């Protein structure tokens, strides 16, 4: 009986730590505005393209850092796309 309670406790700790790790990933993406269809982008120069690595073909949230061509200031936008893994799968 004690071993069963121990296993349940370990499972709960693992589940809660996984939830915390996922929550940390989403808070960083919330500060970046999300692209929507038809949104005007004034991209003068792309600085960086970032996306989470995954081995599965799935829709992910990527970010683009760029220089705004109108203001000359750095900007960042989040957008949804298929992961690069989709290029390598049939």
PDB file of N, CA and C in Angstrom:
ATOM      1  N   UNK A   1       0.824  -1.195   0.000  1.00  0.00           N
ATOM      2  CA  UNK A   1       0.000   0.000   0.000  1.00  0.00           C
ATOM      3  C   UNK A   1       0.863   1.253   0.000  1.00  0.00           C
ATOM      4  N   UNK A   2       1.958   1.236   0.752  1.00  0.00           N
ATOM      5  CA  UNK A   2       2.837   2.394   0.797  1.00  0.00           C
ATOM      6  C   UNK A   2       3.507   2.653  -0.548  1.00  0.00           C
ATOM      7  N   UNK A   3       3.851   1.590  -1.262  1.00  0.00           N
ATOM      8  CA  UNK A   3       4.492   1.777  -2.564  1.00  0.00           C
ATOM      9  C   UNK A   3       3.515   2.395  -3.567  1.00  0.00           C
ATOM     10  N   UNK A   4       2.254   2.054  -3.452  1.00  0.00           N
ATOM     11  CA  UNK A   4       1.252   2.639  -4.352  1.00  0.00           C
ATOM     12  C   UNK A   4       1.102   4.139  -4.072  1.00  0.00           C
ATOM     13  N   UNK A   5       1.065   4.515  -2.813  1.00  0.00           N
ATOM     14  CA  UNK A   5       0.962   5.932  -2.454  1.00  0.00           C
ATOM     15  C   UNK A   5       2.201   6.690  -2.931  1.00  0.00           C
ATOM     16  N   UNK A   6       3.356   6.058  -2.832  1.00  0.00           N
ATOM     17  CA  UNK A   6       4.589   6.685  -3.297  1.00  0.00           C
ATOM     18  C   UNK A   6       4.554   6.896  -4.810  1.00  0.00           C
ATOM     19  N   UNK A   7       4.099   5.903  -5.553  1.00  0.00           N
ATOM     20  CA  UNK A   7       4.012   6.028  -7.010  1.00  0.00           C
ATOM     21  C   UNK A   7       3.031   7.119  -7.423  1.00  0.00           C
ATOM     22  N   UNK A   8       1.906   7.206  -6.736  1.00  0.00           N
ATOM     23  CA  UNK A   8       0.925   8.254  -7.031  1.00  0.00           C
ATOM     24  C   UNK A   8       1.524   9.624  -6.738  1.00  0.00           C
ATOM     25  N   UNK A   9       2.255   9.744  -5.644  1.00  0.00           N
ATOM     26  CA  UNK A   9       2.899  11.013  -5.291  1.00  0.00           C
ATOM     27  C   UNK A   9       3.909  11.432  -6.350  1.00  0.00           C
ATOM     28  N   UNK A  10       4.716  10.491  -6.793  1.00  0.00           N
ATOM     29  CA  UNK A  10       5.718  10.789  -7.821  1.00  0.00           C
ATOM     30  C   UNK A  10       5.040  11.213  -9.116  1.00  0.00           C
ATOM     31  N   UNK A  11       3.964  10.539  -9.483  1.00  0.00           N
ATOM     32  CA  UNK A  11       3.238  10.892 -10.707  1.00  0.00           C
ATOM     33  C   UNK A  11       2.672  12.304 -10.623  1.00  0.00           C
ATOM     34  N   UNK A  12       2.148  12.684  -9.466  1.00  0.00           N
ATOM     35  CA  UNK A  12       1.600  14.032  -9.297  1.00  0.00           C
ATOM     36  C   UNK A  12       2.692  15.095  -9.367  1.00  0.00           C
ATOM     37  N   UNK A  13       3.839  14.816  -8.776  1.00  0.00           N
ATOM     38  CA  UNK A  13       4.952  15.771  -8.827  1.00  0.00           C
ATOM     39  C   UNK A  13       5.428  15.950 -10.265  1.00  0.00           C
ATOM     40  N   UNK A  14       5.543  14.847 -10.999  1.00  0.00           N
ATOM     41  CA  UNK A  14       5.971  14.934 -12.405  1.00  0.00           C
ATOM     42  C   UNK A  14       4.968  15.723 -13.237  1.00  0.00           C
ATOM     43  N   UNK A  15       3.690  15.477 -13.022  1.00  0.00           N
ATOM     44  CA  UNK A  15       2.655  16.181 -13.782  1.00  0.00           C
ATOM     45  C   UNK A  15       2.657  17.670 -13.470  1.00  0.00           C
ATOM     46  N   UNK A  16       2.841  18.031 -12.208  1.00  0.00           N
ATOM     47  CA  UNK A  16       2.831  19.450 -11.850  1.00  0.00           C
ATOM     48  C   UNK A  16       4.069  20.161 -12.383  1.00  0.00           C
ATOM     49  N   UNK A  17       5.228  19.506 -12.360  1.00  0.00           N
ATOM     50  CA  UNK A  17       6.436  20.155 -12.887  1.00  0.00           C
ATOM     51  C   UNK A  17       6.354  20.317 -14.400  1.00  0.00           C
ATOM     52  N   UNK A  18       5.702  19.389 -15.083  1.00  0.00           N
ATOM     53  CA  UNK A  18       5.502  19.517 -16.524  1.00  0.00           C
ATOM     54  C   UNK A  18       4.598  20.699 -16.825  1.00  0.00           C
ATOM     55  N   UNK A  19       3.559  20.875 -16.047  1.00  0.00           N
ATOM     56  CA  UNK A  19       2.650  22.008 -16.232  1.00  0.00           C
ATOM     57  C   UNK A  19       3.339  23.334 -16.006  1.00  0.00           C
ATOM     58  N   UNK A  20       4.225  23.394 -15.026  1.00  0.00           N
ATOM     59  CA  UNK A  20       4.971  24.626 -14.754  1.00  0.00           C
ATOM     60  C   UNK A  20       5.914  24.933 -15.915  1.00  0.00           C
ATOM     61  N   UNK A  21       6.575  23.920 -16.443  1.00  0.00           N
ATOM     62  CA  UNK A  21       7.497  24.133 -17.566  1.00  0.00           C
ATOM     63  C   UNK A  21       6.750  24.643 -18.788  1.00  0.00           C
ATOM     64  N   UNK A  22       5.567  24.103 -19.061  1.00  0.00           N
ATOM     65  CA  UNK A  22       4.783  24.564 -20.199  1.00  0.00           C
ATOM     66  C   UNK A  22       4.262  25.965 -19.960  1.00  0.00           C
ATOM     67  N   UNK A  23       3.904  26.289 -18.739  1.00  0.00           N
ATOM     68  CA  UNK A  23       3.412  27.630 -18.429  1.00  0.00           C
ATOM     69  C   UNK A  23       4.506  28.662 -18.648  1.00  0.00           C
ATOM     70  N   UNK A  24       5.744  28.330 -18.340  1.00  0.00           N
ATOM     71  CA  UNK A  24       6.849  29.261 -18.565  1.00  0.00           C
ATOM     72  C   UNK A  24       7.059  29.532 -20.047  1.00  0.00           C
ATOM     73  N   UNK A  25       6.854  28.545 -20.900  1.00  0.00           N
ATOM     74  CA  UNK A  25       7.017  28.735 -22.335  1.00  0.00           C
ATOM     75  C   UNK A  25       5.963  29.672 -22.898  1.00  0.00           C
ATOM     76  N   UNK A  26       4.739  29.589 -22.405  1.00  0.00           N
ATOM     77  CA  UNK A  26       3.669  30.407 -22.966  1.00  0.00           C
ATOM     78  C   UNK A  26       3.746  31.849 -22.504  1.00  0.00           C
ATOM     79  N   UNK A  27       4.296  32.121 -21.320  1.00  0.00           N
ATOM     80  CA  UNK A  27       4.351  33.502 -20.852  1.00  0.00           C
ATOM     81  C   UNK A  27       5.305  34.335 -21.686  1.00  0.00           C
ATOM     82  N   UNK A  28       6.390  33.752 -22.177  1.00  0.00           N
ATOM     83  CA  UNK A  28       7.311  34.527 -23.002  1.00  0.00           C
ATOM     84  C   UNK A  28       6.684  34.869 -24.346  1.00  0.00           C
ATOM     85  N   UNK A  29       5.839  33.993 -24.877  1.00  0.00           N
ATOM     86  CA  UNK A  29       5.194  34.255 -26.160  1.00  0.00           C
ATOM     87  C   UNK A  29       4.043  35.253 -26.026  1.00  0.00           C
ATOM     88  N   UNK A  30       3.516  35.457 -24.814  1.00  0.00           N
ATOM     89  CA  UNK A  30       2.398  36.372 -24.637  1.00  0.00           C
ATOM     90  C   UNK A  30       2.824  37.827 -24.765  1.00  0.00           C
ATOM     91  N   UNK A  31       4.091  38.139 -24.555  1.00  0.00           N
ATOM     92  CA  UNK A  31       4.570  39.507 -24.660  1.00  0.00           C
ATOM     93  C   UNK A  31       4.747  39.941 -26.109  1.00  0.00           C
ATOM     94  N   UNK A  32       4.798  38.999 -27.027  1.00  0.00           N
ATOM     95  CA  UNK A  32       5.013  39.275 -28.440  1.00  0.00           C
ATOM     96  C   UNK A  32       3.653  39.316 -29.138  1.00  0.00           C
ATOM     97  N   UNK A  33       3.376  40.361 -29.925  1.00  0.00           N
ATOM     98  CA  UNK A  33       2.093  40.402 -30.634  1.00  0.00           C
ATOM     99  C   UNK A  33       2.006  39.281 -31.667  1.00  0.00           C
ATOM    100  N   UNK A  34       0.808  38.745 -31.844  1.00  0.00           N
ATOM    101  CA  UNK A  34       0.584  37.662 -32.797  1.00  0.00           C
ATOM    102  C   UNK A  34       0.137  38.223 -34.144  1.00  0.00           C
ATOM    103  N   UNK A  35       0.647  37.629 -35.203  1.00  0.00           N
ATOM    104  CA  UNK A  35       0.261  38.030 -36.554  1.00  0.00           C
ATOM    105  C   UNK A  35      -1.149  37.540 -36.841  1.00  0.00           C
ATOM    106  N   UNK A  36      -1.926  38.346 -37.526  1.00  0.00           N
ATOM    107  CA  UNK A  36      -3.217  37.906 -38.045  1.00  0.00           C
ATOM    108  C   UNK A  36      -3.272  38.261 -39.521  1.00  0.00           C
ATOM    109  N   UNK A  37      -4.083  37.533 -40.265  1.00  0.00           N
ATOM    110  CA  UNK A  37      -4.151  37.682 -41.715  1.00  0.00           C
ATOM    111  C   UNK A  37      -4.481  39.119 -42.101  1.00  0.00           C
ATOM    112  N   UNK A  38      -3.719  39.681 -42.996  1.00  0.00           N
ATOM    113  CA  UNK A  38      -3.943  41.034 -43.462  1.00  0.00           C
ATOM    114  C   UNK A  38      -3.248  42.101 -42.639  1.00  0.00           C
ATOM    115  N   UNK A  39      -2.575  41.709 -41.582  1.00  0.00           N
ATOM    116  CA  UNK A  39      -1.877  42.667 -40.722  1.00  0.00           C
ATOM    117  C   UNK A  39      -0.700  43.275 -41.496  1.00  0.00           C
ATOM    118  N   UNK A  40      -0.615  44.604 -41.561  1.00  0.00           N
ATOM    119  CA  UNK A  40       0.497  45.204 -42.311  1.00  0.00           C
ATOM    120  C   UNK A  40       1.815  45.066 -41.544  1.00  0.00           C
ATOM    121  N   UNK A  41       2.804  44.509 -42.205  1.00  0.00           N
ATOM    122  CA  UNK A  41       4.140  44.384 -41.625  1.00  0.00           C
ATOM    123  C   UNK A  41       5.092  45.238 -42.446  1.00  0.00           C
ATOM    124  N   UNK A  42       5.890  46.012 -41.782  1.00  0.00           N
ATOM    125  CA  UNK A  42       6.851  46.877 -42.453  1.00  0.00           C
ATOM    126  C   UNK A  42       8.248  46.357 -42.133  1.00  0.00           C
ATOM    127  N   UNK A  43       8.590  45.238 -42.759  1.00  0.00           N
ATOM    128  CA  UNK A  43       9.856  44.566 -42.469  1.00  0.00           C
ATOM    129  C   UNK A  43      10.952  45.157 -43.349  1.00  0.00           C
ATOM    130  N   UNK A  44      11.887  45.832 -42.722  1.00  0.00           N
ATOM    131  CA  UNK A  44      13.033  46.356 -43.448  1.00  0.00           C
ATOM    132  C   UNK A  44      14.145  45.328 -43.537  1.00  0.00           C
ATOM    133  N   UNK A  45      14.382  44.630 -42.425  1.00  0.00           N
ATOM    134  CA  UNK A  45      15.435  43.620 -42.370  1.00  0.00           C
ATOM    135  C   UNK A  45      15.086  42.604 -41.294  1.00  0.00           C
ATOM    136  N   UNK A  46      15.177  41.332 -41.633  1.00  0.00           N
ATOM    137  CA  UNK A  46      14.933  40.263 -40.660  1.00  0.00           C
ATOM    138  C   UNK A  46      16.210  40.045 -39.864  1.00  0.00           C
ATOM    139  N   UNK A  47      16.071  40.073 -38.551  1.00  0.00           N
ATOM    140  CA  UNK A  47      17.217  39.862 -37.660  1.00  0.00           C
ATOM    141  C   UNK A  47      17.324  38.396 -37.266  1.00  0.00           C
ATOM    142  N   UNK A  48      16.183  37.782 -36.890  1.00  0.00           N
ATOM    143  CA  UNK A  48      16.212  36.388 -36.433  1.00  0.00           C
ATOM    144  C   UNK A  48      14.853  35.739 -36.623  1.00  0.00           C
ATOM    145  N   UNK A  49      14.879  34.451 -36.934  1.00  0.00           N
ATOM    146  CA  UNK A  49      13.685  33.612 -36.973  1.00  0.00           C
ATOM    147  C   UNK A  49      13.894  32.516 -35.941  1.00  0.00           C
ATOM    148  N   UNK A  50      12.969  32.384 -34.996  1.00  0.00           N
ATOM    149  CA  UNK A  50      13.088  31.386 -33.931  1.00  0.00           C
ATOM    150  C   UNK A  50      11.843  30.521 -33.899  1.00  0.00           C
ATOM    151  N   UNK A  51      12.052  29.223 -33.680  1.00  0.00           N
ATOM    152  CA  UNK A  51      10.933  28.304 -33.511  1.00  0.00           C
ATOM    153  C   UNK A  51      11.365  27.159 -32.617  1.00  0.00           C
ATOM    154  N   UNK A  52      10.408  26.586 -31.884  1.00  0.00           N
ATOM    155  CA  UNK A  52      10.758  25.448 -31.030  1.00  0.00           C
ATOM    156  C   UNK A  52      11.119  24.232 -31.883  1.00  0.00           C
ATOM    157  N   UNK A  53      12.081  23.459 -31.423  1.00  0.00           N
ATOM    158  CA  UNK A  53      12.462  22.253 -32.154  1.00  0.00           C
ATOM    159  C   UNK A  53      11.510  21.126 -31.792  1.00  0.00           C
ATOM    160  N   UNK A  54      11.107  20.386 -32.784  1.00  0.00           N
ATOM    161  CA  UNK A  54      10.232  19.238 -32.577  1.00  0.00           C
ATOM    162  C   UNK A  54      10.513  18.209 -33.661  1.00  0.00           C
ATOM    163  N   UNK A  55      10.352  16.954 -33.317  1.00  0.00           N
ATOM    164  CA  UNK A  55      10.536  15.879 -34.284  1.00  0.00           C
ATOM    165  C   UNK A  55       9.235  15.529 -34.982  1.00  0.00           C
ATOM    166  N   UNK A  56       8.127  16.079 -34.490  1.00  0.00           N
ATOM    167  CA  UNK A  56       6.814  15.786 -35.054  1.00  0.00           C
ATOM    168  C   UNK A  56       6.394  16.875 -36.024  1.00  0.00           C
ATOM    169  N   UNK A  57       5.641  16.479 -37.037  1.00  0.00           N
ATOM    170  CA  UNK A  57       5.054  17.433 -37.963  1.00  0.00           C
ATOM    171  C   UNK A  57       3.807  18.000 -37.294  1.00  0.00           C
ATOM    172  N   UNK A  58       3.870  19.270 -36.880  1.00  0.00           N
ATOM    173  CA  UNK A  58       2.761  19.894 -36.170  1.00  0.00           C
ATOM    174  C   UNK A  58       2.804  21.402 -36.355  1.00  0.00           C
ATOM    175  N   UNK A  59       1.720  22.065 -35.994  1.00  0.00           N
ATOM    176  CA  UNK A  59       1.664  23.522 -36.042  1.00  0.00           C
ATOM    177  C   UNK A  59       2.338  24.062 -34.786  1.00  0.00           C
ATOM    178  N   UNK A  60       3.252  25.003 -34.981  1.00  0.00           N
ATOM    179  CA  UNK A  60       3.998  25.587 -33.869  1.00  0.00           C
ATOM    180  C   UNK A  60       3.884  27.108 -33.916  1.00  0.00           C
ATOM    181  N   UNK A  61       4.281  27.758 -32.841  1.00  0.00           N
ATOM    182  CA  UNK A  61       4.348  29.214 -32.806  1.00  0.00           C
ATOM    183  C   UNK A  61       5.806  29.626 -32.942  1.00  0.00           C
ATOM    184  N   UNK A  62       6.106  30.347 -34.006  1.00  0.00           N
ATOM    185  CA  UNK A  62       7.454  30.842 -34.265  1.00  0.00           C
ATOM    186  C   UNK A  62       7.470  32.351 -34.062  1.00  0.00           C
ATOM    187  N   UNK A  63       8.653  32.913 -33.908  1.00  0.00           N
ATOM    188  CA  UNK A  63       8.781  34.364 -33.768  1.00  0.00           C
ATOM    189  C   UNK A  63       9.782  34.892 -34.789  1.00  0.00           C
ATOM    190  N   UNK A  64       9.540  36.119 -35.206  1.00  0.00           N
ATOM    191  CA  UNK A  64      10.447  36.802 -36.123  1.00  0.00           C
ATOM    192  C   UNK A  64      10.828  38.143 -35.510  1.00  0.00           C
ATOM    193  N   UNK A  65      12.124  38.387 -35.407  1.00  0.00           N
ATOM    194  CA  UNK A  65      12.631  39.689 -34.968  1.00  0.00           C
ATOM    195  C   UNK A  65      13.097  40.418 -36.221  1.00  0.00           C
ATOM    196  N   UNK A  66      12.709  41.680 -36.342  1.00  0.00           N
ATOM    197  CA  UNK A  66      13.028  42.432 -37.549  1.00  0.00           C
ATOM    198  C   UNK A  66      13.168  43.918 -37.239  1.00  0.00           C
ATOM    199  N   UNK A  67      13.692  44.657 -38.211  1.00  0.00           N
ATOM    200  CA  UNK A  67      13.768  46.112 -38.131  1.00  0.00           C
ATOM    201  C   UNK A  67      12.580  46.663 -38.911  1.00  0.00           C
ATOM    202  N   UNK A  68      11.772  47.481 -38.252  1.00  0.00           N
ATOM    203  CA  UNK A  68      10.616  48.104 -38.895  1.00  0.00           C
ATOM    204  C   UNK A  68      11.112  49.135 -39.903  1.00  0.00           C
ATOM    205  N   UNK A  69      10.646  49.015 -41.157  1.00  0.00           N
ATOM    206  CA  UNK A  69      11.130  49.904 -42.214  1.00  0.00           C
ATOM    207  C   UNK A  69      10.621  51.333 -42.062  1.00  0.00           C
ATOM    208  N   UNK A  70       9.527  51.535 -41.340  1.00  0.00           N
ATOM    209  CA  UNK A  70       8.993  52.889 -41.172  1.00  0.00           C
ATOM    210  C   UNK A  70       9.625  53.618 -39.988  1.00  0.00           C
ATOM    211  N   UNK A  71       9.753  52.913 -38.859  1.00  0.00           N
ATOM    212  CA  UNK A  71      10.285  53.570 -37.659  1.00  0.00           C
ATOM    213  C   UNK A  71      11.783  53.347 -37.460  1.00  0.00           C
ATOM    214  N   UNK A  72      12.322  52.302 -38.090  1.00  0.00           N
ATOM    215  CA  UNK A  72      13.725  51.971 -37.895  1.00  0.00           C
ATOM    216  C   UNK A  72      14.003  51.268 -36.579  1.00  0.00           C
ATOM    217  N   UNK A  73      12.952  50.973 -35.815  1.00  0.00           N
ATOM    218  CA  UNK A  73      13.084  50.334 -34.506  1.00  0.00           C
ATOM    219  C   UNK A  73      12.971  48.812 -34.632  1.00  0.00           C
ATOM    220  N   UNK A  74      13.635  48.069 -33.745  1.00  0.00           N
ATOM    221  CA  UNK A  74      13.460  46.614 -33.729  1.00  0.00           C
ATOM    222  C   UNK A  74      12.033  46.257 -33.308  1.00  0.00           C
ATOM    223  N   UNK A  75      11.503  45.209 -33.898  1.00  0.00           N
ATOM    224  CA  UNK A  75      10.158  44.732 -33.573  1.00  0.00           C
ATOM    225  C   UNK A  75      10.175  43.211 -33.603  1.00  0.00           C
ATOM    226  N   UNK A  76       9.119  42.622 -33.049  1.00  0.00           N
ATOM    227  CA  UNK A  76       9.014  41.161 -33.001  1.00  0.00           C
ATOM    228  C   UNK A  76       7.564  40.775 -33.199  1.00  0.00           C
ATOM    229  N   UNK A  77       7.344  39.675 -33.902  1.00  0.00           N
ATOM    230  CA  UNK A  77       5.986  39.185 -34.150  1.00  0.00           C
ATOM    231  C   UNK A  77       5.990  37.664 -34.014  1.00  0.00           C
ATOM    232  N   UNK A  78       4.904  37.119 -33.485  1.00  0.00           N
ATOM    233  CA  UNK A  78       4.732  35.665 -33.376  1.00  0.00           C
ATOM    234  C   UNK A  78       3.761  35.229 -34.461  1.00  0.00           C
ATOM    235  N   UNK A  79       3.999  34.061 -35.021  1.00  0.00           N
ATOM    236  CA  UNK A  79       3.121  33.543 -36.064  1.00  0.00           C
ATOM    237  C   UNK A  79       3.074  32.028 -35.988  1.00  0.00           C
ATOM    238  N   UNK A  80       2.019  31.448 -36.545  1.00  0.00           N
ATOM    239  CA  UNK A  80       1.828  29.999 -36.538  1.00  0.00           C
ATOM    240  C   UNK A  80       2.311  29.436 -37.867  1.00  0.00           C
ATOM    241  N   UNK A  81       2.973  28.279 -37.809  1.00  0.00           N
ATOM    242  CA  UNK A  81       3.472  27.632 -39.017  1.00  0.00           C
ATOM    243  C   UNK A  81       3.647  26.144 -38.769  1.00  0.00           C
ATOM    244  N   UNK A  82       3.827  25.393 -39.859  1.00  0.00           N
ATOM    245  CA  UNK A  82       4.163  23.985 -39.725  1.00  0.00           C
ATOM    246  C   UNK A  82       5.633  23.871 -39.357  1.00  0.00           C
ATOM    247  N   UNK A  83       5.948  22.938 -38.485  1.00  0.00           N
ATOM    248  CA  UNK A  83       7.335  22.756 -38.057  1.00  0.00           C
ATOM    249  C   UNK A  83       8.194  22.272 -39.225  1.00  0.00           C
ATOM    250  N   UNK A  84       9.494  22.463 -39.090  1.00  0.00           N
ATOM    251  CA  UNK A  84      10.419  22.013 -40.132  1.00  0.00           C
ATOM    252  C   UNK A  84      10.404  20.500 -40.290  1.00  0.00           C
ATOM    253  N   UNK A  85       9.969  19.784 -39.275  1.00  0.00           N
ATOM    254  CA  UNK A  85       9.904  18.323 -39.355  1.00  0.00           C
ATOM    255  C   UNK A  85       8.947  17.873 -40.454  1.00  0.00           C
ATOM    256  N   UNK A  86       7.990  18.711 -40.824  1.00  0.00           N
ATOM    257  CA  UNK A  86       7.035  18.360 -41.882  1.00  0.00           C
ATOM    258  C   UNK A  86       7.729  18.247 -43.235  1.00  0.00           C
ATOM    259  N   UNK A  87       8.842  18.928 -43.419  1.00  0.00           N
ATOM    260  CA  UNK A  87       9.574  18.882 -44.685  1.00  0.00           C
ATOM    261  C   UNK A  87      10.259  17.539 -44.891  1.00  0.00           C
ATOM    262  N   UNK A  88      10.511  16.829 -43.804  1.00  0.00           N
ATOM    263  CA  UNK A  88      11.271  15.590 -43.887  1.00  0.00           C
ATOM    264  C   UNK A  88      10.411  14.340 -43.755  1.00  0.00           C
ATOM    265  N   UNK A  89       9.104  14.522 -43.552  1.00  0.00           N
ATOM    266  CA  UNK A  89       8.211  13.373 -43.395  1.00  0.00           C
ATOM    267  C   UNK A  89       7.330  13.230 -44.626  1.00  0.00           C
ATOM    268  N   UNK A  90       6.933  12.004 -44.918  1.00  0.00           N
ATOM    269  CA  UNK A  90       6.033  11.755 -46.055  1.00  0.00           C
ATOM    270  C   UNK A  90       4.608  11.887 -45.653  1.00  0.00           C
TER     271      UNK A  90
END
